């Protein structure tokens, strides 16, 4: 039997897909996580969250390998693993994910555009204009994100992070020892929401796996890719923290923006306006591309529930009935893999899979997918999508001053559920009798810890969204002596 290649071109394509889907706006809060918790606790938290997300992502792959070939979407996986309650949990958490994250995009995009063009329009107007500019893409019935667009969006985030960190490190050059955070449980636990938002890969993996010609390779591909992403997060967070300490309260981009009157940032240095503009523009590029893509599964789910579209093909239902009995009893992994081989659709395999494909039951049949948007459905789906976008715009305008809390809320709630908790629960449910105790123990620990922290951060960030505190400290994570004064002012030291 020939030995399998360690890493193939198809593995590289899947890894590229996953990296582009994961690396996004969550990276902007990474330095803030170190500021909240300090380097020691933050590194431990990142290692735990890296393990939780890697294990959760691999768990989805393992459950998909056990499932019949008719299981195509995240909702299908939930129903196969846990019946109707599993589908409801999967669909509701995914729907919330695909609605809350675009809200975060609109709030951040409105803030960035207001910063780029001060006094042109208010942040509210920018949010509306941004939604209008994305609307034509949102109304494309069968949206497909190309590899080029995905790469551009991902590179936009990477370039933004590099510029942001470089501006901070240059502006704080010559600094003394950095101030450490004044730790408390609420502050440290708050890092959980941003870390969950930064990973959030769960919902795209089923679509990726069913496009791979050898799905048994996917657990390793996903595990390695998520580990590499975790290393990128650690480098980004620790590098920025080494210059700022506890004096960054959240978004990296806010820390480099100069005041209109003084020309100084909140950290007391003059940032290069050209670099700031580039960082903001590249992040705006990412937001514009990702907004429509992440909304697409929510459109699919709403169209299925309210318009009766996107029903599973009859052949899939029959296939599920035939295969379910086979899959109920654990068998040889190789036999399982062969039973659900994807040879029937190798010829139709897509070159790129994105979040937009999560709920697409016609992923391999574009003609059938396009046919659903003709006739009476042509007007109905447009009206439904316009209503969803309008609701998102209204919510974003209401929450426009609470970007950090909104991001933490999204990460701690729906993203934690569909990227960590549900995948591990599905795996435990299907493999409990054959899973060794050394795997059960950490899996259960991750589920319990993430559930408790998720509930806590969801409550605290949700409370701040609708009943914000009056705390106006400039640097709330620091000890009292550094709460309102920068620990090092380069401008005063060298240009005063």
Protein backbone atom coordinates (compact mmCIF):
# COMPACT_ATOMS: atom_id res chain seq x y z
CA UNK A 1 0.00 0.00 0.00
CA UNK A 2 1.61 3.33 -1.06
CA UNK A 3 2.43 5.74 1.72
CA UNK A 4 0.28 8.86 1.81
CA UNK A 5 1.91 12.22 1.18
CA UNK A 6 2.44 14.32 4.29
CA UNK A 7 0.96 17.45 2.73
CA UNK A 8 -0.73 17.74 -0.66
CA UNK A 9 -1.78 20.64 -2.86
CA UNK A 10 -5.39 19.97 -1.86
CA UNK A 11 -4.41 20.14 1.81
CA UNK A 12 -2.74 23.48 1.12
CA UNK A 13 -5.90 24.75 -0.55
CA UNK A 14 -8.02 23.71 2.45
CA UNK A 15 -5.53 25.33 4.85
CA UNK A 16 -5.58 28.53 2.78
CA UNK A 17 -9.39 28.54 2.84
CA UNK A 18 -9.47 28.13 6.61
CA UNK A 19 -6.78 30.73 7.29
CA UNK A 20 -8.59 33.34 5.18
CA UNK A 21 -11.87 32.61 6.97
CA UNK A 22 -10.41 32.86 10.48
CA UNK A 23 -7.89 35.71 10.32
CA UNK A 24 -10.04 38.82 10.69
CA UNK A 25 -11.13 41.64 12.98
CA UNK A 26 -10.58 39.60 16.14
CA UNK A 27 -6.85 40.25 15.76
CA UNK A 28 -7.33 43.94 16.54
CA UNK A 29 -8.16 43.08 20.15
CA UNK A 30 -5.22 40.74 20.75
CA UNK A 31 -2.91 43.35 22.33
CA UNK A 32 -5.84 44.42 24.50
CA UNK A 33 -6.12 40.86 25.85
CA UNK A 34 -2.56 41.10 27.16
CA UNK A 35 -3.37 44.52 28.63
CA UNK A 36 -6.37 43.07 30.46
CA UNK A 37 -4.71 39.99 31.89
CA UNK A 38 -0.96 40.57 31.85
CA UNK A 39 1.46 38.44 29.85
CA UNK A 40 1.49 35.34 32.07
CA UNK A 41 -2.28 34.88 32.41
CA UNK A 42 -2.85 36.03 28.82
CA UNK A 43 -0.46 33.40 27.44
CA UNK A 44 -2.18 30.70 29.52
CA UNK A 45 -5.57 31.95 28.28
CA UNK A 46 -4.36 31.93 24.67
CA UNK A 47 -2.97 28.40 25.03
CA UNK A 48 -6.28 27.22 26.51
CA UNK A 49 -8.35 28.94 23.82
CA UNK A 50 -6.00 27.66 21.12
CA UNK A 51 -6.44 24.12 22.43
CA UNK A 52 -10.22 24.57 22.75
CA UNK A 53 -10.61 25.94 19.23
CA UNK A 54 -8.20 23.47 17.62
CA UNK A 55 -9.91 20.57 19.38
CA UNK A 56 -13.35 21.96 18.50
CA UNK A 57 -12.38 22.37 14.84
CA UNK A 58 -10.88 18.88 14.66
CA UNK A 59 -13.98 17.52 16.43
CA UNK A 60 -16.15 18.80 13.57
CA UNK A 61 -13.91 16.98 11.08
CA UNK A 62 -14.10 13.75 13.07
CA UNK A 63 -17.88 13.87 13.37
CA UNK A 64 -18.17 14.63 9.65
CA UNK A 65 -16.12 11.50 8.94
CA UNK A 66 -18.64 9.44 10.90
CA UNK A 67 -21.68 11.04 9.28
CA UNK A 68 -23.44 9.85 6.11
CA UNK A 69 -22.69 11.73 2.90
CA UNK A 70 -26.06 13.50 3.05
CA UNK A 71 -24.80 15.53 6.02
CA UNK A 72 -23.59 18.66 4.25
CA UNK A 73 -24.25 21.72 6.40
CA UNK A 74 -23.56 22.59 10.01
CA UNK A 75 -27.29 22.26 10.73
CA UNK A 76 -27.33 18.78 9.14
CA UNK A 77 -24.44 17.79 11.39
CA UNK A 78 -26.30 18.98 14.48
CA UNK A 79 -29.43 17.01 13.57
CA UNK A 80 -27.48 13.85 12.78
CA UNK A 81 -25.58 14.05 16.08
CA UNK A 82 -28.36 15.16 18.45
CA UNK A 83 -31.65 15.04 16.58
CA UNK A 84 -33.89 18.09 16.22
CA UNK A 85 -32.46 19.84 19.33
CA UNK A 86 -29.02 19.59 17.73
CA UNK A 87 -30.27 21.21 14.52
CA UNK A 88 -32.00 24.00 16.43
CA UNK A 89 -28.88 24.73 18.50
CA UNK A 90 -26.66 24.65 15.41
CA UNK A 91 -28.91 26.83 13.27
CA UNK A 92 -29.74 29.38 15.99
CA UNK A 93 -26.09 29.82 17.03
CA UNK A 94 -24.99 30.04 13.40
CA UNK A 95 -27.75 32.54 12.57
CA UNK A 96 -26.72 34.67 15.55
CA UNK A 97 -23.07 34.46 14.50
CA UNK A 98 -23.84 35.51 10.94
CA UNK A 99 -25.92 38.49 12.12
CA UNK A 100 -23.89 39.75 15.08
CA UNK A 101 -20.51 39.73 13.32
CA UNK A 102 -21.78 41.89 10.41
CA UNK A 103 -23.09 44.30 13.08
CA UNK A 104 -19.56 44.44 14.48
CA UNK A 105 -18.30 45.12 10.94
CA UNK A 106 -20.75 47.99 10.44
CA UNK A 107 -19.88 49.59 13.78
CA UNK A 108 -16.13 49.30 13.15
CA UNK A 109 -16.47 50.40 9.52
CA UNK A 110 -18.49 53.46 10.48
CA UNK A 111 -15.86 54.41 13.05
CA UNK A 112 -12.98 53.91 10.60
CA UNK A 113 -14.62 55.97 7.85
CA UNK A 114 -15.46 58.71 10.33
CA UNK A 115 -11.79 58.75 11.32
CA UNK A 116 -10.55 58.79 7.74
CA UNK A 117 -12.86 61.63 6.72
CA UNK A 118 -13.41 63.68 9.87
CA UNK A 119 -16.32 66.14 9.78
CA UNK A 120 -17.57 64.76 6.44
CA UNK A 121 -20.40 62.68 7.90
CA UNK A 122 -21.34 61.29 11.29
CA UNK A 123 -20.60 57.67 12.18
CA UNK A 124 -24.33 56.96 11.79
CA UNK A 125 -24.34 58.23 8.21
CA UNK A 126 -21.20 56.24 7.42
CA UNK A 127 -22.84 53.05 8.70
CA UNK A 128 -25.82 53.65 6.40
CA UNK A 129 -23.58 54.47 3.42
CA UNK A 130 -21.44 51.41 4.06
CA UNK A 131 -24.51 49.15 4.15
CA UNK A 132 -25.79 50.71 0.92
CA UNK A 133 -22.45 50.13 -0.79
CA UNK A 134 -22.48 46.45 0.23
CA UNK A 135 -26.15 45.93 -0.64
CA UNK A 136 -25.69 45.06 -4.36
CA UNK A 137 -23.31 42.25 -3.41
CA UNK A 138 -25.67 41.06 -0.65
CA UNK A 139 -28.48 40.78 -3.20
CA UNK A 140 -26.50 38.50 -5.52
CA UNK A 141 -28.56 35.31 -5.20
CA UNK A 142 -25.71 32.79 -5.38
CA UNK A 143 -22.76 34.62 -3.88
CA UNK A 144 -19.41 32.90 -4.40
CA UNK A 145 -16.32 34.37 -2.80
CA UNK A 146 -13.32 33.85 -5.04
CA UNK A 147 -9.88 32.93 -3.77
CA UNK A 148 -8.57 36.33 -4.87
CA UNK A 149 -11.18 38.24 -2.89
CA UNK A 150 -10.62 36.06 0.18
CA UNK A 151 -6.86 36.55 -0.06
CA UNK A 152 -7.31 40.32 -0.43
CA UNK A 153 -9.53 40.46 2.65
CA UNK A 154 -7.13 38.36 4.70
CA UNK A 155 -4.10 40.36 3.55
CA UNK A 156 -5.97 43.54 4.44
CA UNK A 157 -6.13 42.37 8.05
CA UNK A 158 -2.50 41.22 8.11
CA UNK A 159 -1.23 44.52 6.69
CA UNK A 160 -3.40 46.46 9.15
CA UNK A 161 -1.94 44.49 12.07
CA UNK A 162 1.64 44.96 10.86
CA UNK A 163 1.18 48.71 10.35
CA UNK A 164 -0.60 49.12 13.69
CA UNK A 165 2.09 47.31 15.66
CA UNK A 166 4.90 49.10 13.76
CA UNK A 167 3.37 52.54 14.43
CA UNK A 168 2.97 51.76 18.13
CA UNK A 169 6.50 50.38 18.54
CA UNK A 170 8.06 53.30 16.67
CA UNK A 171 5.99 55.85 18.55
CA UNK A 172 6.92 54.34 21.93
CA UNK A 173 10.61 53.86 21.14
CA UNK A 174 12.91 54.44 24.08
CA UNK A 175 10.18 53.61 26.61
CA UNK A 176 11.01 52.50 30.18
CA UNK A 177 9.54 49.40 31.82
CA UNK A 178 5.91 48.97 30.83
CA UNK A 179 3.14 49.23 33.46
CA UNK A 180 1.44 46.00 34.47
CA UNK A 181 -2.36 45.63 34.61
CA UNK A 182 -4.29 45.86 37.87
CA UNK A 183 -5.90 42.44 37.74
CA UNK A 184 -9.45 41.47 38.69
CA UNK A 185 -11.63 38.56 37.58
CA UNK A 186 -14.08 40.57 35.48
CA UNK A 187 -11.26 42.24 33.58
CA UNK A 188 -9.35 39.01 32.93
CA UNK A 189 -12.47 37.05 31.97
CA UNK A 190 -13.34 39.75 29.43
CA UNK A 191 -10.49 38.51 27.23
CA UNK A 192 -12.50 35.34 26.58
CA UNK A 193 -14.97 37.11 24.27
CA UNK A 194 -12.32 38.59 22.01
CA UNK A 195 -10.34 35.34 21.86
CA UNK A 196 -13.48 33.45 20.83
CA UNK A 197 -14.26 36.07 18.18
CA UNK A 198 -10.71 35.83 16.80
CA UNK A 199 -10.95 32.09 16.14
CA UNK A 200 -14.57 31.39 15.17
CA UNK A 201 -13.84 28.74 12.50
CA UNK A 202 -16.46 26.14 13.29
CA UNK A 203 -19.18 26.95 10.79
CA UNK A 204 -16.99 26.81 7.67
CA UNK A 205 -15.38 23.40 8.28
CA UNK A 206 -18.24 21.14 7.07
CA UNK A 207 -18.25 22.92 3.69
CA UNK A 208 -14.46 22.60 3.48
CA UNK A 209 -14.45 18.94 4.38
CA UNK A 210 -17.06 17.84 1.88
CA UNK A 211 -14.98 19.40 -0.91
CA UNK A 212 -11.82 17.45 0.03
CA UNK A 213 -11.24 14.27 -1.99
CA UNK A 214 -9.78 12.54 1.11
CA UNK A 215 -11.72 13.83 4.15
CA UNK A 216 -9.62 11.69 6.52
CA UNK A 217 -6.78 14.21 6.03
CA UNK A 218 -8.88 17.16 7.22
CA UNK A 219 -8.38 16.76 11.01
CA UNK A 220 -4.63 17.14 10.58
CA UNK A 221 -4.98 20.02 8.10
CA UNK A 222 -7.37 21.88 10.40
CA UNK A 223 -5.26 21.20 13.50
CA UNK A 224 -2.03 22.46 11.93
CA UNK A 225 -3.70 25.53 10.40
CA UNK A 226 -5.40 26.55 13.65
CA UNK A 227 -2.13 26.06 15.55
CA UNK A 228 -0.31 28.31 13.07
CA UNK A 229 -3.03 30.96 13.45
CA UNK A 230 -2.62 30.75 17.24
CA UNK A 231 1.11 31.43 16.89
CA UNK A 232 0.33 34.50 14.74
CA UNK A 233 -2.05 35.76 17.43
CA UNK A 234 0.59 35.28 20.13
CA UNK A 235 3.26 37.16 18.17
CA UNK A 236 0.88 40.04 17.42
CA UNK A 237 -0.34 40.39 21.01
CA UNK A 238 3.03 40.08 22.74
CA UNK A 239 4.81 42.45 20.34
CA UNK A 240 2.34 45.29 20.85
CA UNK A 241 2.12 44.67 24.61
CA UNK A 242 5.90 44.91 24.95
CA UNK A 243 5.68 48.63 24.11
CA UNK A 244 2.32 49.61 25.61
CA UNK A 245 1.74 47.45 28.67
CA UNK A 246 -1.70 47.89 30.18
CA UNK A 247 -2.36 51.16 28.34
CA UNK A 248 -4.34 49.82 25.41
CA UNK A 249 -7.98 49.33 26.28
CA UNK A 250 -9.06 47.43 23.18
CA UNK A 251 -8.79 48.05 19.45
CA UNK A 252 -5.25 48.47 18.13
CA UNK A 253 -6.42 50.94 15.47
CA UNK A 254 -7.86 53.31 18.07
CA UNK A 255 -4.46 53.47 19.79
CA UNK A 256 -2.71 54.90 16.71
CA UNK A 257 -5.33 57.51 15.73
CA UNK A 258 -4.16 61.10 16.36
CA UNK A 259 -6.27 63.73 18.08
CA UNK A 260 -7.60 66.36 15.65
CA UNK A 261 -6.30 69.27 17.75
CA UNK A 262 -3.01 68.06 19.24
CA UNK A 263 -2.01 65.55 16.56
CA UNK A 264 -1.08 63.11 19.34
CA UNK A 265 -2.46 59.64 20.01
CA UNK A 266 -3.89 58.64 23.38
CA UNK A 267 -0.42 57.23 24.13
CA UNK A 268 1.23 60.62 23.67
CA UNK A 269 3.17 60.19 20.43
CA UNK A 270 2.69 61.62 16.94
CA UNK A 271 1.67 58.88 14.55
CA UNK A 272 2.37 59.11 10.84
CA UNK A 273 -0.98 60.08 9.28
CA UNK A 274 -0.18 58.24 6.06
CA UNK A 275 0.40 54.99 7.94
CA UNK A 276 -2.82 55.48 9.91
CA UNK A 277 -4.77 56.00 6.68
CA UNK A 278 -3.24 52.87 5.15
CA UNK A 279 -4.08 50.78 8.22
CA UNK A 280 -7.67 52.04 8.24
CA UNK A 281 -8.11 51.52 4.49
CA UNK A 282 -6.79 47.95 4.56
CA UNK A 283 -9.10 47.07 7.45
CA UNK A 284 -11.97 48.69 5.57
CA UNK A 285 -11.10 46.45 2.62
CA UNK A 286 -11.43 43.38 4.84
CA UNK A 287 -14.73 44.59 6.31
CA UNK A 288 -16.25 45.31 2.90
CA UNK A 289 -15.37 41.85 1.56
CA UNK A 290 -16.29 39.92 4.70
CA UNK A 291 -19.59 41.69 5.42
CA UNK A 292 -21.52 40.14 2.52
CA UNK A 293 -19.83 36.76 2.82
CA UNK A 294 -20.62 36.26 6.51
CA UNK A 295 -24.22 37.42 6.02
CA UNK A 296 -24.87 34.84 3.32
CA UNK A 297 -25.56 31.83 5.60
CA UNK A 298 -28.07 33.96 7.53
CA UNK A 299 -29.81 34.74 4.24
CA UNK A 300 -29.91 31.03 3.37
CA UNK A 301 -31.34 30.07 6.77
CA UNK A 302 -33.97 32.82 6.66
CA UNK A 303 -34.95 31.85 3.10
CA UNK A 304 -35.29 28.22 4.14
CA UNK A 305 -37.42 28.99 7.20
CA UNK A 306 -39.58 31.81 5.82
CA UNK A 307 -39.70 31.12 2.07
CA UNK A 308 -39.38 27.33 1.99
CA UNK A 309 -36.25 27.44 -0.19
CA UNK A 310 -33.03 25.36 0.00
CA UNK A 311 -34.62 22.07 1.01
CA UNK A 312 -32.38 19.00 0.97
CA UNK A 313 -32.63 17.07 -2.33
CA UNK A 314 -34.72 13.89 -2.20
CA UNK A 315 -31.69 11.80 -3.11
CA UNK A 316 -29.90 13.08 -0.01
CA UNK A 317 -32.82 12.19 2.24
CA UNK A 318 -32.94 8.65 0.84
CA UNK A 319 -29.18 8.36 1.14
CA UNK A 320 -29.38 9.44 4.76
CA UNK A 321 -31.95 6.74 5.53
CA UNK A 322 -29.77 4.11 3.91
CA UNK A 323 -26.57 5.18 5.61
CA UNK A 324 -27.82 6.00 9.08
CA UNK A 325 -28.02 2.36 10.12
CA UNK A 326 -24.51 1.73 8.91
CA UNK A 327 -23.12 4.71 10.76
CA UNK A 328 -24.92 4.03 14.04
CA UNK A 329 -22.48 1.20 14.81
CA UNK A 330 -18.78 2.08 14.93
CA UNK A 331 -16.87 0.34 12.20
CA UNK A 332 -13.54 0.44 10.56
CA UNK A 333 -12.47 4.01 9.82
CA UNK A 334 -11.32 3.11 6.34
CA UNK A 335 -14.70 1.55 5.51
CA UNK A 336 -16.47 4.64 6.79
CA UNK A 337 -14.30 6.85 4.67
CA UNK A 338 -15.01 4.75 1.61
CA UNK A 339 -18.76 4.71 2.20
CA UNK A 340 -18.94 8.46 2.14
CA UNK A 341 -16.37 8.95 -0.63
CA UNK A 342 -16.82 12.08 -2.59
CA UNK A 343 -16.07 10.65 -6.02
CA UNK A 344 -19.49 11.67 -7.32
CA UNK A 345 -18.59 15.31 -7.03
CA UNK A 346 -14.85 15.42 -7.65
CA UNK A 347 -15.47 16.82 -11.11
CA UNK A 348 -17.52 19.67 -9.65
CA UNK A 349 -15.20 20.56 -6.77
CA UNK A 350 -14.95 24.28 -6.13
CA UNK A 351 -11.60 26.06 -6.12
CA UNK A 352 -12.47 28.03 -3.00
CA UNK A 353 -14.89 27.54 -0.10
CA UNK A 354 -15.89 30.35 2.23
CA UNK A 355 -18.34 31.10 5.02
CA UNK A 356 -20.88 31.93 2.30
CA UNK A 357 -21.16 28.21 1.51
CA UNK A 358 -22.00 27.02 5.04
CA UNK A 359 -25.72 26.42 4.48
CA UNK A 360 -25.61 25.80 0.73
CA UNK A 361 -27.30 22.44 0.09
CA UNK A 362 -26.60 22.77 -3.66
CA UNK A 363 -22.86 23.40 -3.32
CA UNK A 364 -22.07 20.98 -6.15
CA UNK A 365 -25.02 21.89 -8.38
CA UNK A 366 -25.00 25.59 -9.32
CA UNK A 367 -27.89 25.12 -11.77
CA UNK A 368 -30.19 23.84 -9.02
CA UNK A 369 -29.04 26.62 -6.72
CA UNK A 370 -29.74 29.34 -9.30
CA UNK A 371 -33.15 27.86 -10.14
CA UNK A 372 -34.36 28.51 -6.59
CA UNK A 373 -34.08 32.26 -7.15
CA UNK A 374 -36.28 32.37 -10.25
CA UNK A 375 -40.03 32.83 -10.54
CA UNK A 376 -41.98 33.94 -7.47
CA UNK A 377 -38.90 33.68 -5.25
CA UNK A 378 -37.06 36.37 -7.24
CA UNK A 379 -38.87 39.23 -5.50
CA UNK A 380 -39.39 37.48 -2.17
CA UNK A 381 -35.72 36.83 -1.47
CA UNK A 382 -34.77 40.43 -2.33
CA UNK A 383 -37.38 41.84 0.07
CA UNK A 384 -36.31 39.43 2.82
CA UNK A 385 -32.61 40.30 2.45
CA UNK A 386 -33.36 44.04 2.43
CA UNK A 387 -35.33 43.65 5.67
CA UNK A 388 -32.44 41.76 7.32
CA UNK A 389 -29.89 44.39 6.25
CA UNK A 390 -32.16 47.21 7.47
CA UNK A 391 -32.48 45.56 10.89
CA UNK A 392 -28.69 45.17 11.07
CA UNK A 393 -28.17 48.84 10.20
CA UNK A 394 -30.62 49.97 12.91
CA UNK A 395 -28.94 47.71 15.49
CA UNK A 396 -25.48 48.96 14.46
CA UNK A 397 -26.53 52.59 14.79
CA UNK A 398 -27.92 51.95 18.28
CA UNK A 399 -24.72 50.15 19.34
CA UNK A 400 -22.23 52.31 17.43
CA UNK A 401 -20.45 53.53 20.58
CA UNK A 402 -19.94 50.04 22.01
CA UNK A 403 -17.65 48.24 19.57
CA UNK A 404 -15.64 46.37 22.23
CA UNK A 405 -18.68 45.16 24.15
CA UNK A 406 -20.45 44.12 20.94
CA UNK A 407 -17.40 42.17 19.76
CA UNK A 408 -17.01 40.47 23.16
CA UNK A 409 -20.73 39.65 23.23
CA UNK A 410 -20.61 38.03 19.79
CA UNK A 411 -17.49 36.03 20.64
CA UNK A 412 -18.63 34.85 24.07
CA UNK A 413 -22.11 33.81 22.96
CA UNK A 414 -22.81 32.38 19.52
CA UNK A 415 -19.22 31.91 18.33
CA UNK A 416 -18.27 30.01 21.49
CA UNK A 417 -21.31 27.79 21.05
CA UNK A 418 -20.81 26.88 17.39
CA UNK A 419 -17.01 26.77 17.28
CA UNK A 420 -16.18 25.08 20.61
CA UNK A 421 -19.09 23.75 22.67
CA UNK A 422 -21.35 22.13 20.05
CA UNK A 423 -18.58 20.39 18.03
CA UNK A 424 -17.13 18.79 21.17
CA UNK A 425 -20.59 17.80 22.43
CA UNK A 426 -21.36 16.23 19.03
CA UNK A 427 -18.11 14.24 19.16
CA UNK A 428 -18.73 13.09 22.74
CA UNK A 429 -22.25 12.05 21.81
CA UNK A 430 -21.18 9.92 18.85
CA UNK A 431 -17.92 8.51 20.27
CA UNK A 432 -18.57 8.28 24.02
CA UNK A 433 -18.42 4.47 24.19
CA UNK A 434 -15.10 4.22 22.36
CA UNK A 435 -13.40 7.45 23.45
CA UNK A 436 -10.54 6.93 25.95
CA UNK A 437 -10.74 8.61 29.35
CA UNK A 438 -7.63 10.70 28.65
CA UNK A 439 -9.57 12.38 25.83
CA UNK A 440 -12.92 12.59 27.61
CA UNK A 441 -11.49 14.50 30.57
CA UNK A 442 -10.00 17.47 28.66
CA UNK A 443 -12.97 17.54 26.28
CA UNK A 444 -15.45 17.84 29.16
CA UNK A 445 -13.20 20.39 30.87
CA UNK A 446 -13.17 22.58 27.76
CA UNK A 447 -16.97 22.38 27.41
CA UNK A 448 -17.61 23.28 31.07
CA UNK A 449 -15.04 26.09 31.26
CA UNK A 450 -16.10 27.64 27.95
CA UNK A 451 -19.78 27.38 28.87
CA UNK A 452 -19.24 29.11 32.22
CA UNK A 453 -16.95 31.84 30.85
CA UNK A 454 -19.18 32.29 27.82
CA UNK A 455 -22.26 32.84 29.99
CA UNK A 456 -20.38 35.25 32.27
CA UNK A 457 -18.87 37.38 29.49
CA UNK A 458 -22.13 37.34 27.52
CA UNK A 459 -23.89 38.74 30.60
CA UNK A 460 -21.27 41.39 31.43
CA UNK A 461 -20.78 42.59 27.84
CA UNK A 462 -24.53 42.52 27.20
CA UNK A 463 -25.09 44.60 30.32
CA UNK A 464 -22.51 47.13 29.12
CA UNK A 465 -24.25 47.34 25.74
CA UNK A 466 -27.56 48.47 27.17
CA UNK A 467 -26.54 49.88 30.57
CA UNK A 468 -22.98 51.18 30.16
CA UNK A 469 -21.01 52.23 33.22
CA UNK A 470 -19.89 55.81 33.83
CA UNK A 471 -16.23 54.81 34.08
CA UNK A 472 -14.29 57.34 32.00
CA UNK A 473 -10.75 56.22 32.81
CA UNK A 474 -8.38 56.54 29.88
CA UNK A 475 -6.60 53.28 30.73
CA UNK A 476 -9.02 51.19 32.82
CA UNK A 477 -6.81 48.09 32.96
CA UNK A 478 -3.97 49.86 34.77
CA UNK A 479 -3.24 50.55 38.43
CA UNK A 480 -4.58 53.91 39.76
CA UNK A 481 -1.30 55.75 39.08
CA UNK A 482 -1.53 55.00 35.35
CA UNK A 483 -5.33 55.06 34.87
CA UNK A 484 -5.41 58.54 33.34
CA UNK A 485 -1.79 59.40 32.49
CA UNK A 486 0.46 57.82 29.90
CA UNK A 487 3.43 56.06 31.46
CA UNK A 488 5.76 57.37 28.74
CA UNK A 489 5.24 60.37 26.49
CA UNK A 490 7.75 60.33 23.64
CA UNK A 491 6.70 63.78 22.44
CA UNK A 492 7.18 65.37 25.85
CA UNK A 493 10.48 63.57 26.42
CA UNK A 494 12.12 64.39 23.09
CA UNK A 495 10.25 67.25 21.46
CA UNK A 496 9.00 69.20 24.47
